[in-house]
Amino acid sequence: TCVNVAFALTGAYFSLLVLAQLLVLSAANSAVLWLTLAKHQIGFRWVDLFKALGRSAIVAIAAVSVPFAVTLYFGWRSTSIITTLSISIPGAAIGFLMASYLSRHVIWDEISRAAKALRA
């Protein structure tokens, strides 16, 4: 859409960091647009969509919470990439696993089966 192109051009003009930040907004804009178009074609209710995606949203939010907190603390351009990665990667994995287990998401069944297969 024109909005997405405007975001990309604006970001590219200023810097790669601004471009990356505006592309996140562009992706959100596209998601809203396509969901709205799909709703008109298929006729689903928003409540049904949120119920279907609720557990996945919990898992996704838990997985990005530590990396997001690290980004807020160290900034977008951390000078200590090893530190940020050594906190963010295990934090994301732990958040993902805990949320999968606690929300009883179907991915937890797959993780359990994979772990059993590795032990065998």
PDB file of N, CA and C in Angstrom:
ATOM      1  N   THR A   1       0.842  -1.187   0.000  1.00  0.00           N
ATOM      2  CA  THR A   1       0.000   0.000   0.000  1.00  0.00           C
ATOM      3  C   THR A   1       0.881   1.242   0.000  1.00  0.00           C
ATOM      4  N   CYS A   2       0.262   2.351  -0.218  1.00  0.00           N
ATOM      5  CA  CYS A   2       0.995   3.617  -0.244  1.00  0.00           C
ATOM      6  C   CYS A   2       1.602   3.936   1.120  1.00  0.00           C
ATOM      7  N   VAL A   3       0.901   3.571   2.184  1.00  0.00           N
ATOM      8  CA  VAL A   3       1.421   3.830   3.533  1.00  0.00           C
ATOM      9  C   VAL A   3       2.706   3.043   3.758  1.00  0.00           C
ATOM     10  N   ASN A   4       2.725   1.786   3.345  1.00  0.00           N
ATOM     11  CA  ASN A   4       3.916   0.955   3.521  1.00  0.00           C
ATOM     12  C   ASN A   4       5.104   1.495   2.717  1.00  0.00           C
ATOM     13  N   VAL A   5       4.841   1.940   1.510  1.00  0.00           N
ATOM     14  CA  VAL A   5       5.900   2.524   0.691  1.00  0.00           C
ATOM     15  C   VAL A   5       6.411   3.810   1.339  1.00  0.00           C
ATOM     16  N   ALA A   6       5.515   4.622   1.859  1.00  0.00           N
ATOM     17  CA  ALA A   6       5.921   5.862   2.530  1.00  0.00           C
ATOM     18  C   ALA A   6       6.781   5.556   3.758  1.00  0.00           C
ATOM     19  N   PHE A   7       6.404   4.538   4.534  1.00  0.00           N
ATOM     20  CA  PHE A   7       7.213   4.133   5.686  1.00  0.00           C
ATOM     21  C   PHE A   7       8.610   3.723   5.228  1.00  0.00           C
ATOM     22  N   ALA A   8       8.680   2.891   4.197  1.00  0.00           N
ATOM     23  CA  ALA A   8       9.971   2.387   3.718  1.00  0.00           C
ATOM     24  C   ALA A   8      10.845   3.523   3.182  1.00  0.00           C
ATOM     25  N   LEU A   9      10.282   4.406   2.398  1.00  0.00           N
ATOM     26  CA  LEU A   9      11.053   5.515   1.846  1.00  0.00           C
ATOM     27  C   LEU A   9      11.538   6.467   2.937  1.00  0.00           C
ATOM     28  N   THR A  10      10.668   6.745   3.906  1.00  0.00           N
ATOM     29  CA  THR A  10      11.051   7.627   5.010  1.00  0.00           C
ATOM     30  C   THR A  10      12.186   7.009   5.813  1.00  0.00           C
ATOM     31  N   GLY A  11      12.040   5.728   6.139  1.00  0.00           N
ATOM     32  CA  GLY A  11      13.078   5.050   6.906  1.00  0.00           C
ATOM     33  C   GLY A  11      14.388   4.977   6.154  1.00  0.00           C
ATOM     34  N   ALA A  12      14.330   4.662   4.877  1.00  0.00           N
ATOM     35  CA  ALA A  12      15.546   4.562   4.067  1.00  0.00           C
ATOM     36  C   ALA A  12      16.251   5.909   3.957  1.00  0.00           C
ATOM     37  N   TYR A  13      15.501   6.979   3.949  1.00  0.00           N
ATOM     38  CA  TYR A  13      16.097   8.312   3.860  1.00  0.00           C
ATOM     39  C   TYR A  13      16.925   8.632   5.109  1.00  0.00           C
ATOM     40  N   PHE A  14      16.401   8.255   6.288  1.00  0.00           N
ATOM     41  CA  PHE A  14      17.069   8.630   7.538  1.00  0.00           C
ATOM     42  C   PHE A  14      18.191   7.663   7.928  1.00  0.00           C
ATOM     43  N   SER A  15      17.881   6.388   8.076  1.00  0.00           N
ATOM     44  CA  SER A  15      18.914   5.419   8.463  1.00  0.00           C
ATOM     45  C   SER A  15      18.321   4.017   8.434  1.00  0.00           C
ATOM     46  N   LEU A  16      19.191   3.031   8.520  1.00  0.00           N
ATOM     47  CA  LEU A  16      18.717   1.653   8.562  1.00  0.00           C
ATOM     48  C   LEU A  16      17.933   1.369   9.834  1.00  0.00           C
ATOM     49  N   LEU A  17      18.304   2.009  10.936  1.00  0.00           N
ATOM     50  CA  LEU A  17      17.570   1.827  12.189  1.00  0.00           C
ATOM     51  C   LEU A  17      16.147   2.342  12.057  1.00  0.00           C
ATOM     52  N   VAL A  18      15.987   3.528  11.525  1.00  0.00           N
ATOM     53  CA  VAL A  18      14.644   4.087  11.316  1.00  0.00           C
ATOM     54  C   VAL A  18      13.875   3.236  10.320  1.00  0.00           C
ATOM     55  N   LEU A  19      14.556   2.750   9.294  1.00  0.00           N
ATOM     56  CA  LEU A  19      13.905   1.871   8.318  1.00  0.00           C
ATOM     57  C   LEU A  19      13.367   0.623   9.001  1.00  0.00           C
ATOM     58  N   ALA A  20      14.178  -0.009   9.832  1.00  0.00           N
ATOM     59  CA  ALA A  20      13.735  -1.220  10.537  1.00  0.00           C
ATOM     60  C   ALA A  20      12.546  -0.932  11.436  1.00  0.00           C
ATOM     61  N   GLN A  21      12.588   0.174  12.140  1.00  0.00           N
ATOM     62  CA  GLN A  21      11.484   0.533  13.030  1.00  0.00           C
ATOM     63  C   GLN A  21      10.205   0.815  12.251  1.00  0.00           C
ATOM     64  N   LEU A  22      10.315   1.502  11.139  1.00  0.00           N
ATOM     65  CA  LEU A  22       9.132   1.798  10.337  1.00  0.00           C
ATOM     66  C   LEU A  22       8.608   0.567   9.608  1.00  0.00           C
ATOM     67  N   LEU A  23       9.480  -0.388   9.288  1.00  0.00           N
ATOM     68  CA  LEU A  23       9.009  -1.622   8.658  1.00  0.00           C
ATOM     69  C   LEU A  23       8.185  -2.464   9.630  1.00  0.00           C
ATOM     70  N   VAL A  24       8.469  -2.352  10.930  1.00  0.00           N
ATOM     71  CA  VAL A  24       7.619  -3.015  11.923  1.00  0.00           C
ATOM     72  C   VAL A  24       6.215  -2.418  11.876  1.00  0.00           C
ATOM     73  N   LEU A  25       6.140  -1.107  11.816  1.00  0.00           N
ATOM     74  CA  LEU A  25       4.833  -0.444  11.693  1.00  0.00           C
ATOM     75  C   LEU A  25       4.154  -0.810  10.373  1.00  0.00           C
ATOM     76  N   SER A  26       4.937  -0.927   9.328  1.00  0.00           N
ATOM     77  CA  SER A  26       4.397  -1.310   8.028  1.00  0.00           C
ATOM     78  C   SER A  26       3.797  -2.715   8.073  1.00  0.00           C
ATOM     79  N   ALA A  27       4.475  -3.630   8.741  1.00  0.00           N
ATOM     80  CA  ALA A  27       3.956  -4.996   8.865  1.00  0.00           C
ATOM     81  C   ALA A  27       2.662  -5.013   9.663  1.00  0.00           C
ATOM     82  N   ALA A  28       2.603  -4.239  10.727  1.00  0.00           N
ATOM     83  CA  ALA A  28       1.363  -4.158  11.512  1.00  0.00           C
ATOM     84  C   ALA A  28       0.228  -3.574  10.676  1.00  0.00           C
ATOM     85  N   ASN A  29       0.542  -2.555   9.895  1.00  0.00           N
ATOM     86  CA  ASN A  29      -0.449  -1.941   9.010  1.00  0.00           C
ATOM     87  C   ASN A  29      -0.982  -2.965   8.000  1.00  0.00           C
ATOM     88  N   SER A  30      -0.099  -3.742   7.413  1.00  0.00           N
ATOM     89  CA  SER A  30      -0.511  -4.756   6.443  1.00  0.00           C
ATOM     90  C   SER A  30      -1.368  -5.837   7.090  1.00  0.00           C
ATOM     91  N   ALA A  31      -0.982  -6.239   8.301  1.00  0.00           N
ATOM     92  CA  ALA A  31      -1.749  -7.274   9.001  1.00  0.00           C
ATOM     93  C   ALA A  31      -3.184  -6.808   9.257  1.00  0.00           C
ATOM     94  N   VAL A  32      -3.319  -5.581   9.714  1.00  0.00           N
ATOM     95  CA  VAL A  32      -4.661  -5.040   9.967  1.00  0.00           C
ATOM     96  C   VAL A  32      -5.462  -4.962   8.670  1.00  0.00           C
ATOM     97  N   LEU A  33      -4.821  -4.498   7.619  1.00  0.00           N
ATOM     98  CA  LEU A  33      -5.500  -4.390   6.328  1.00  0.00           C
ATOM     99  C   LEU A  33      -5.985  -5.747   5.833  1.00  0.00           C
ATOM    100  N   TRP A  34      -5.115  -6.755   5.836  1.00  0.00           N
ATOM    101  CA  TRP A  34      -5.483  -8.079   5.331  1.00  0.00           C
ATOM    102  C   TRP A  34      -6.505  -8.780   6.219  1.00  0.00           C
ATOM    103  N   LEU A  35      -6.401  -8.602   7.516  1.00  0.00           N
ATOM    104  CA  LEU A  35      -7.410  -9.198   8.402  1.00  0.00           C
ATOM    105  C   LEU A  35      -8.779  -8.565   8.175  1.00  0.00           C
ATOM    106  N   THR A  36      -8.797  -7.266   7.947  1.00  0.00           N
ATOM    107  CA  THR A  36     -10.067  -6.587   7.679  1.00  0.00           C
ATOM    108  C   THR A  36     -10.675  -7.076   6.361  1.00  0.00           C
ATOM    109  N   LEU A  37      -9.840  -7.213   5.334  1.00  0.00           N
ATOM    110  CA  LEU A  37     -10.335  -7.727   4.053  1.00  0.00           C
ATOM    111  C   LEU A  37     -10.812  -9.178   4.181  1.00  0.00           C
ATOM    112  N   ALA A  38     -10.070  -9.993   4.910  1.00  0.00           N
ATOM    113  CA  ALA A  38     -10.469 -11.385   5.104  1.00  0.00           C
ATOM    114  C   ALA A  38     -11.777 -11.478   5.880  1.00  0.00           C
ATOM    115  N   LYS A  39     -11.963 -10.605   6.853  1.00  0.00           N
ATOM    116  CA  LYS A  39     -13.199 -10.604   7.641  1.00  0.00           C
ATOM    117  C   LYS A  39     -14.402 -10.318   6.748  1.00  0.00           C
ATOM    118  N   HIS A  40     -14.253  -9.412   5.818  1.00  0.00           N
ATOM    119  CA  HIS A  40     -15.356  -9.092   4.907  1.00  0.00           C
ATOM    120  C   HIS A  40     -15.648 -10.250   3.957  1.00  0.00           C
ATOM    121  N   GLN A  41     -14.618 -10.976   3.539  1.00  0.00           N
ATOM    122  CA  GLN A  41     -14.810 -12.088   2.606  1.00  0.00           C
ATOM    123  C   GLN A  41     -15.346 -13.342   3.296  1.00  0.00           C
ATOM    124  N   ILE A  42     -14.792 -13.654   4.470  1.00  0.00           N
ATOM    125  CA  ILE A  42     -15.129 -14.896   5.152  1.00  0.00           C
ATOM    126  C   ILE A  42     -16.273 -14.704   6.134  1.00  0.00           C
ATOM    127  N   GLY A  43     -16.287 -13.581   6.806  1.00  0.00           N
ATOM    128  CA  GLY A  43     -17.359 -13.295   7.740  1.00  0.00           C
ATOM    129  C   GLY A  43     -17.135 -13.860   9.133  1.00  0.00           C
ATOM    130  N   PHE A  44     -15.907 -13.913   9.609  1.00  0.00           N
ATOM    131  CA  PHE A  44     -15.655 -14.383  10.966  1.00  0.00           C
ATOM    132  C   PHE A  44     -15.863 -13.246  11.958  1.00  0.00           C
ATOM    133  N   ARG A  45     -15.971 -13.622  13.220  1.00  0.00           N
ATOM    134  CA  ARG A  45     -16.085 -12.619  14.283  1.00  0.00           C
ATOM    135  C   ARG A  45     -14.709 -12.407  14.895  1.00  0.00           C
ATOM    136  N   TRP A  46     -14.421 -11.163  15.285  1.00  0.00           N
ATOM    137  CA  TRP A  46     -13.124 -10.852  15.881  1.00  0.00           C
ATOM    138  C   TRP A  46     -12.899 -11.673  17.145  1.00  0.00           C
ATOM    139  N   VAL A  47     -13.943 -11.864  17.926  1.00  0.00           N
ATOM    140  CA  VAL A  47     -13.830 -12.637  19.167  1.00  0.00           C
ATOM    141  C   VAL A  47     -13.362 -14.052  18.872  1.00  0.00           C
ATOM    142  N   ASP A  48     -13.904 -14.660  17.813  1.00  0.00           N
ATOM    143  CA  ASP A  48     -13.496 -16.021  17.457  1.00  0.00           C
ATOM    144  C   ASP A  48     -12.025 -16.067  17.040  1.00  0.00           C
ATOM    145  N   LEU A  49     -11.587 -15.057  16.317  1.00  0.00           N
ATOM    146  CA  LEU A  49     -10.190 -14.999  15.911  1.00  0.00           C
ATOM    147  C   LEU A  49      -9.275 -14.864  17.121  1.00  0.00           C
ATOM    148  N   PHE A  50      -9.635 -13.981  18.046  1.00  0.00           N
ATOM    149  CA  PHE A  50      -8.809 -13.790  19.234  1.00  0.00           C
ATOM    150  C   PHE A  50      -8.786 -15.029  20.117  1.00  0.00           C
ATOM    151  N   LYS A  51      -9.906 -15.743  20.194  1.00  0.00           N
ATOM    152  CA  LYS A  51      -9.916 -16.999  20.956  1.00  0.00           C
ATOM    153  C   LYS A  51      -8.988 -18.023  20.317  1.00  0.00           C
ATOM    154  N   ALA A  52      -9.019 -18.101  19.002  1.00  0.00           N
ATOM    155  CA  ALA A  52      -8.184 -19.077  18.295  1.00  0.00           C
ATOM    156  C   ALA A  52      -6.699 -18.746  18.419  1.00  0.00           C
ATOM    157  N   LEU A  53      -6.357 -17.482  18.439  1.00  0.00           N
ATOM    158  CA  LEU A  53      -4.959 -17.068  18.469  1.00  0.00           C
ATOM    159  C   LEU A  53      -4.458 -16.677  19.855  1.00  0.00           C
ATOM    160  N   GLY A  54      -5.328 -16.757  20.855  1.00  0.00           N
ATOM    161  CA  GLY A  54      -4.979 -16.285  22.192  1.00  0.00           C
ATOM    162  C   GLY A  54      -3.768 -16.950  22.796  1.00  0.00           C
ATOM    163  N   ARG A  55      -3.735 -18.275  22.778  1.00  0.00           N
ATOM    164  CA  ARG A  55      -2.597 -18.985  23.370  1.00  0.00           C
ATOM    165  C   ARG A  55      -1.309 -18.705  22.599  1.00  0.00           C
ATOM    166  N   SER A  56      -1.423 -18.625  21.298  1.00  0.00           N
ATOM    167  CA  SER A  56      -0.233 -18.323  20.495  1.00  0.00           C
ATOM    168  C   SER A  56       0.281 -16.914  20.790  1.00  0.00           C
ATOM    169  N   ALA A  57      -0.627 -15.994  21.023  1.00  0.00           N
ATOM    170  CA  ALA A  57      -0.218 -14.626  21.365  1.00  0.00           C
ATOM    171  C   ALA A  57       0.497 -14.609  22.708  1.00  0.00           C
ATOM    172  N   ILE A  58       0.005 -15.391  23.665  1.00  0.00           N
ATOM    173  CA  ILE A  58       0.661 -15.465  24.975  1.00  0.00           C
ATOM    174  C   ILE A  58       2.082 -15.994  24.823  1.00  0.00           C
ATOM    175  N   VAL A  59       2.240 -17.056  24.036  1.00  0.00           N
ATOM    176  CA  VAL A  59       3.567 -17.642  23.819  1.00  0.00           C
ATOM    177  C   VAL A  59       4.481 -16.644  23.111  1.00  0.00           C
ATOM    178  N   ALA A  60       3.977 -15.959  22.104  1.00  0.00           N
ATOM    179  CA  ALA A  60       4.792 -14.991  21.360  1.00  0.00           C
ATOM    180  C   ALA A  60       5.216 -13.823  22.244  1.00  0.00           C
ATOM    181  N   ILE A  61       4.311 -13.314  23.043  1.00  0.00           N
ATOM    182  CA  ILE A  61       4.635 -12.191  23.931  1.00  0.00           C
ATOM    183  C   ILE A  61       5.671 -12.611  24.959  1.00  0.00           C
ATOM    184  N   ALA A  62       5.511 -13.812  25.503  1.00  0.00           N
ATOM    185  CA  ALA A  62       6.490 -14.299  26.483  1.00  0.00           C
ATOM    186  C   ALA A  62       7.867 -14.476  25.849  1.00  0.00           C
ATOM    187  N   ALA A  63       7.896 -14.929  24.605  1.00  0.00           N
ATOM    188  CA  ALA A  63       9.176 -15.161  23.929  1.00  0.00           C
ATOM    189  C   ALA A  63       9.913 -13.859  23.624  1.00  0.00           C
ATOM    190  N   VAL A  64       9.198 -12.788  23.364  1.00  0.00           N
ATOM    191  CA  VAL A  64       9.870 -11.525  23.022  1.00  0.00           C
ATOM    192  C   VAL A  64      10.045 -10.599  24.213  1.00  0.00           C
ATOM    193  N   SER A  65       9.507 -10.939  25.372  1.00  0.00           N
ATOM    194  CA  SER A  65       9.560 -10.015  26.506  1.00  0.00           C
ATOM    195  C   SER A  65      10.982  -9.755  26.989  1.00  0.00           C
ATOM    196  N   VAL A  66      11.799 -10.798  27.122  1.00  0.00           N
ATOM    197  CA  VAL A  66      13.179 -10.580  27.583  1.00  0.00           C
ATOM    198  C   VAL A  66      14.002  -9.836  26.534  1.00  0.00           C
ATOM    199  N   PRO A  67      13.995 -10.254  25.261  1.00  0.00           N
ATOM    200  CA  PRO A  67      14.750  -9.463  24.275  1.00  0.00           C
ATOM    201  C   PRO A  67      14.289  -8.005  24.192  1.00  0.00           C
ATOM    202  N   PHE A  68      12.999  -7.775  24.337  1.00  0.00           N
ATOM    203  CA  PHE A  68      12.492  -6.399  24.311  1.00  0.00           C
ATOM    204  C   PHE A  68      13.000  -5.611  25.513  1.00  0.00           C
ATOM    205  N   ALA A  69      12.972  -6.228  26.687  1.00  0.00           N
ATOM    206  CA  ALA A  69      13.482  -5.555  27.889  1.00  0.00           C
ATOM    207  C   ALA A  69      14.977  -5.262  27.755  1.00  0.00           C
ATOM    208  N   VAL A  70      15.722  -6.194  27.185  1.00  0.00           N
ATOM    209  CA  VAL A  70      17.156  -5.994  26.969  1.00  0.00           C
ATOM    210  C   VAL A  70      17.380  -4.833  26.001  1.00  0.00           C
ATOM    211  N   THR A  71      16.578  -4.771  24.965  1.00  0.00           N
ATOM    212  CA  THR A  71      16.688  -3.672  24.003  1.00  0.00           C
ATOM    213  C   THR A  71      16.388  -2.340  24.659  1.00  0.00           C
ATOM    214  N   LEU A  72      15.374  -2.298  25.499  1.00  0.00           N
ATOM    215  CA  LEU A  72      15.057  -1.054  26.199  1.00  0.00           C
ATOM    216  C   LEU A  72      16.185  -0.643  27.139  1.00  0.00           C
ATOM    217  N   TYR A  73      16.791  -1.615  27.796  1.00  0.00           N
ATOM    218  CA  TYR A  73      17.850  -1.306  28.764  1.00  0.00           C
ATOM    219  C   TYR A  73      19.152  -0.878  28.067  1.00  0.00           C
ATOM    220  N   PHE A  74      19.589  -1.663  27.089  1.00  0.00           N
ATOM    221  CA  PHE A  74      20.872  -1.401  26.437  1.00  0.00           C
ATOM    222  C   PHE A  74      20.756  -0.454  25.242  1.00  0.00           C
ATOM    223  N   GLY A  75      19.549  -0.232  24.752  1.00  0.00           N
ATOM    224  CA  GLY A  75      19.356   0.641  23.609  1.00  0.00           C
ATOM    225  C   GLY A  75      19.337  -0.135  22.298  1.00  0.00           C
ATOM    226  N   TRP A  76      18.926   0.549  21.244  1.00  0.00           N
ATOM    227  CA  TRP A  76      18.807  -0.080  19.926  1.00  0.00           C
ATOM    228  C   TRP A  76      20.160  -0.483  19.365  1.00  0.00           C
ATOM    229  N   ARG A  77      21.186   0.254  19.737  1.00  0.00           N
ATOM    230  CA  ARG A  77      22.530  -0.008  19.217  1.00  0.00           C
ATOM    231  C   ARG A  77      23.476  -0.284  20.377  1.00  0.00           C
ATOM    232  N   SER A  78      23.321  -1.432  20.971  1.00  0.00           N
ATOM    233  CA  SER A  78      24.156  -1.794  22.107  1.00  0.00           C
ATOM    234  C   SER A  78      25.607  -1.954  21.680  1.00  0.00           C
ATOM    235  N   THR A  79      26.503  -1.461  22.512  1.00  0.00           N
ATOM    236  CA  THR A  79      27.932  -1.629  22.229  1.00  0.00           C
ATOM    237  C   THR A  79      28.418  -2.996  22.691  1.00  0.00           C
ATOM    238  N   SER A  80      27.613  -3.659  23.505  1.00  0.00           N
ATOM    239  CA  SER A  80      27.996  -4.976  24.012  1.00  0.00           C
ATOM    240  C   SER A  80      27.062  -6.036  23.435  1.00  0.00           C
ATOM    241  N   ILE A  81      27.298  -6.423  22.199  1.00  0.00           N
ATOM    242  CA  ILE A  81      26.419  -7.367  21.516  1.00  0.00           C
ATOM    243  C   ILE A  81      26.450  -8.745  22.170  1.00  0.00           C
ATOM    244  N   ILE A  82      27.606  -9.154  22.687  1.00  0.00           N
ATOM    245  CA  ILE A  82      27.712 -10.456  23.341  1.00  0.00           C
ATOM    246  C   ILE A  82      26.827 -10.497  24.591  1.00  0.00           C
ATOM    247  N   THR A  83      26.839  -9.433  25.358  1.00  0.00           N
ATOM    248  CA  THR A  83      25.999  -9.363  26.561  1.00  0.00           C
ATOM    249  C   THR A  83      24.526  -9.391  26.202  1.00  0.00           C
ATOM    250  N   THR A  84      24.133  -8.593  25.234  1.00  0.00           N
ATOM    251  CA  THR A  84      22.719  -8.551  24.869  1.00  0.00           C
ATOM    252  C   THR A  84      22.248  -9.905  24.328  1.00  0.00           C
ATOM    253  N   LEU A  85      23.071 -10.547  23.517  1.00  0.00           N
ATOM    254  CA  LEU A  85      22.691 -11.852  22.984  1.00  0.00           C
ATOM    255  C   LEU A  85      22.684 -12.933  24.058  1.00  0.00           C
ATOM    256  N   SER A  86      23.641 -12.871  24.988  1.00  0.00           N
ATOM    257  CA  SER A  86      23.708 -13.895  26.032  1.00  0.00           C
ATOM    258  C   SER A  86      22.554 -13.779  27.022  1.00  0.00           C
ATOM    259  N   ILE A  87      21.924 -12.639  27.089  1.00  0.00           N
ATOM    260  CA  ILE A  87      20.725 -12.476  27.920  1.00  0.00           C
ATOM    261  C   ILE A  87      19.469 -12.747  27.095  1.00  0.00           C
ATOM    262  N   SER A  88      19.420 -12.207  25.890  1.00  0.00           N
ATOM    263  CA  SER A  88      18.209 -12.277  25.073  1.00  0.00           C
ATOM    264  C   SER A  88      17.871 -13.679  24.589  1.00  0.00           C
ATOM    265  N   ILE A  89      18.852 -14.417  24.114  1.00  0.00           N
ATOM    266  CA  ILE A  89      18.568 -15.736  23.532  1.00  0.00           C
ATOM    267  C   ILE A  89      18.055 -16.724  24.581  1.00  0.00           C
ATOM    268  N   PRO A  90      18.757 -16.900  25.711  1.00  0.00           N
ATOM    269  CA  PRO A  90      18.192 -17.814  26.716  1.00  0.00           C
ATOM    270  C   PRO A  90      16.871 -17.291  27.297  1.00  0.00           C
ATOM    271  N   GLY A  91      16.765 -15.974  27.450  1.00  0.00           N
ATOM    272  CA  GLY A  91      15.520 -15.394  27.966  1.00  0.00           C
ATOM    273  C   GLY A  91      14.349 -15.662  27.052  1.00  0.00           C
ATOM    274  N   ALA A  92      14.567 -15.550  25.757  1.00  0.00           N
ATOM    275  CA  ALA A  92      13.500 -15.837  24.789  1.00  0.00           C
ATOM    276  C   ALA A  92      13.123 -17.312  24.838  1.00  0.00           C
ATOM    277  N   ALA A  93      14.119 -18.180  24.921  1.00  0.00           N
ATOM    278  CA  ALA A  93      13.847 -19.626  24.967  1.00  0.00           C
ATOM    279  C   ALA A  93      13.082 -20.000  26.235  1.00  0.00           C
ATOM    280  N   ILE A  94      13.510 -19.467  27.367  1.00  0.00           N
ATOM    281  CA  ILE A  94      12.821 -19.770  28.628  1.00  0.00           C
ATOM    282  C   ILE A  94      11.397 -19.235  28.611  1.00  0.00           C
ATOM    283  N   GLY A  95      11.219 -18.010  28.126  1.00  0.00           N
ATOM    284  CA  GLY A  95       9.875 -17.438  28.030  1.00  0.00           C
ATOM    285  C   GLY A  95       8.974 -18.258  27.128  1.00  0.00           C
ATOM    286  N   PHE A  96       9.512 -18.688  25.994  1.00  0.00           N
ATOM    287  CA  PHE A  96       8.752 -19.519  25.055  1.00  0.00           C
ATOM    288  C   PHE A  96       8.339 -20.837  25.695  1.00  0.00           C
ATOM    289  N   LEU A  97       9.296 -21.510  26.319  1.00  0.00           N
ATOM    290  CA  LEU A  97       9.005 -22.813  26.925  1.00  0.00           C
ATOM    291  C   LEU A  97       8.023 -22.698  28.092  1.00  0.00           C
ATOM    292  N   MET A  98       8.231 -21.710  28.954  1.00  0.00           N
ATOM    293  CA  MET A  98       7.333 -21.544  30.097  1.00  0.00           C
ATOM    294  C   MET A  98       5.914 -21.203  29.651  1.00  0.00           C
ATOM    295  N   ALA A  99       5.788 -20.291  28.713  1.00  0.00           N
ATOM    296  CA  ALA A  99       4.458 -19.908  28.242  1.00  0.00           C
ATOM    297  C   ALA A  99       3.786 -21.057  27.506  1.00  0.00           C
ATOM    298  N   SER A 100       4.549 -21.837  26.747  1.00  0.00           N
ATOM    299  CA  SER A 100       3.987 -23.000  26.058  1.00  0.00           C
ATOM    300  C   SER A 100       3.421 -24.000  27.051  1.00  0.00           C
ATOM    301  N   TYR A 101       4.189 -24.239  28.106  1.00  0.00           N
ATOM    302  CA  TYR A 101       3.764 -25.197  29.130  1.00  0.00           C
ATOM    303  C   TYR A 101       2.575 -24.666  29.927  1.00  0.00           C
ATOM    304  N   LEU A 102       2.683 -23.442  30.414  1.00  0.00           N
ATOM    305  CA  LEU A 102       1.649 -22.884  31.280  1.00  0.00           C
ATOM    306  C   LEU A 102       0.331 -22.622  30.558  1.00  0.00           C
ATOM    307  N   SER A 103       0.400 -22.285  29.279  1.00  0.00           N
ATOM    308  CA  SER A 103      -0.838 -22.020  28.525  1.00  0.00           C
ATOM    309  C   SER A 103      -1.404 -23.282  27.886  1.00  0.00           C
ATOM    310  N   ARG A 104      -0.699 -24.401  28.046  1.00  0.00           N
ATOM    311  CA  ARG A 104      -1.093 -25.679  27.442  1.00  0.00           C
ATOM    312  C   ARG A 104      -1.253 -25.554  25.922  1.00  0.00           C
ATOM    313  N   HIS A 105      -0.325 -24.833  25.326  1.00  0.00           N
ATOM    314  CA  HIS A 105      -0.334 -24.643  23.881  1.00  0.00           C
ATOM    315  C   HIS A 105       0.018 -25.966  23.198  1.00  0.00           C
ATOM    316  N   VAL A 106      -0.512 -26.175  22.008  1.00  0.00           N
ATOM    317  CA  VAL A 106      -0.258 -27.429  21.297  1.00  0.00           C
ATOM    318  C   VAL A 106       1.217 -27.610  20.950  1.00  0.00           C
ATOM    319  N   ILE A 107       1.973 -26.537  20.871  1.00  0.00           N
ATOM    320  CA  ILE A 107       3.404 -26.669  20.580  1.00  0.00           C
ATOM    321  C   ILE A 107       4.119 -27.397  21.713  1.00  0.00           C
ATOM    322  N   TRP A 108       3.575 -27.326  22.932  1.00  0.00           N
ATOM    323  CA  TRP A 108       4.198 -28.024  24.058  1.00  0.00           C
ATOM    324  C   TRP A 108       4.177 -29.537  23.838  1.00  0.00           C
ATOM    325  N   ASP A 109       3.117 -30.040  23.229  1.00  0.00           N
ATOM    326  CA  ASP A 109       3.052 -31.472  22.907  1.00  0.00           C
ATOM    327  C   ASP A 109       4.177 -31.854  21.949  1.00  0.00           C
ATOM    328  N   GLU A 110       4.435 -31.000  20.972  1.00  0.00           N
ATOM    329  CA  GLU A 110       5.508 -31.257  20.012  1.00  0.00           C
ATOM    330  C   GLU A 110       6.873 -31.203  20.691  1.00  0.00           C
ATOM    331  N   ILE A 111       7.052 -30.244  21.581  1.00  0.00           N
ATOM    332  CA  ILE A 111       8.315 -30.131  22.310  1.00  0.00           C
ATOM    333  C   ILE A 111       8.529 -31.364  23.175  1.00  0.00           C
ATOM    334  N   SER A 112       7.477 -31.806  23.840  1.00  0.00           N
ATOM    335  CA  SER A 112       7.573 -32.998  24.695  1.00  0.00           C
ATOM    336  C   SER A 112       7.937 -34.229  23.881  1.00  0.00           C
ATOM    337  N   ARG A 113       7.291 -34.400  22.733  1.00  0.00           N
ATOM    338  CA  ARG A 113       7.604 -35.547  21.869  1.00  0.00           C
ATOM    339  C   ARG A 113       9.042 -35.495  21.361  1.00  0.00           C
ATOM    340  N   ALA A 114       9.494 -34.323  20.999  1.00  0.00           N
ATOM    341  CA  ALA A 114      10.873 -34.168  20.523  1.00  0.00           C
ATOM    342  C   ALA A 114      11.870 -34.489  21.638  1.00  0.00           C
ATOM    343  N   ALA A 115      11.565 -34.035  22.845  1.00  0.00           N
ATOM    344  CA  ALA A 115      12.454 -34.314  23.974  1.00  0.00           C
ATOM    345  C   ALA A 115      12.499 -35.812  24.275  1.00  0.00           C
ATOM    346  N   LYS A 116      11.361 -36.486  24.193  1.00  0.00           N
ATOM    347  CA  LYS A 116      11.320 -37.934  24.426  1.00  0.00           C
ATOM    348  C   LYS A 116      12.101 -38.666  23.345  1.00  0.00           C
ATOM    349  N   ALA A 117      11.996 -38.208  22.123  1.00  0.00           N
ATOM    350  CA  ALA A 117      12.717 -38.849  21.019  1.00  0.00           C
ATOM    351  C   ALA A 117      14.227 -38.675  21.189  1.00  0.00           C
ATOM    352  N   LEU A 118      14.639 -37.535  21.697  1.00  0.00           N
ATOM    353  CA  LEU A 118      16.076 -37.301  21.923  1.00  0.00           C
ATOM    354  C   LEU A 118      16.619 -38.182  23.048  1.00  0.00           C
ATOM    355  N   ARG A 119      15.781 -38.431  24.047  1.00  0.00           N
ATOM    356  CA  ARG A 119      16.200 -39.268  25.170  1.00  0.00           C
ATOM    357  C   ARG A 119      16.256 -40.743  24.793  1.00  0.00           C
ATOM    358  N   ALA A 120      15.492 -41.126  23.795  1.00  0.00           N
ATOM    359  CA  ALA A 120      15.423 -42.557  23.424  1.00  0.00           C
ATOM    360  C   ALA A 120      16.622 -42.993  22.605  1.00  0.00           C
TER     361      ALA A 120
END
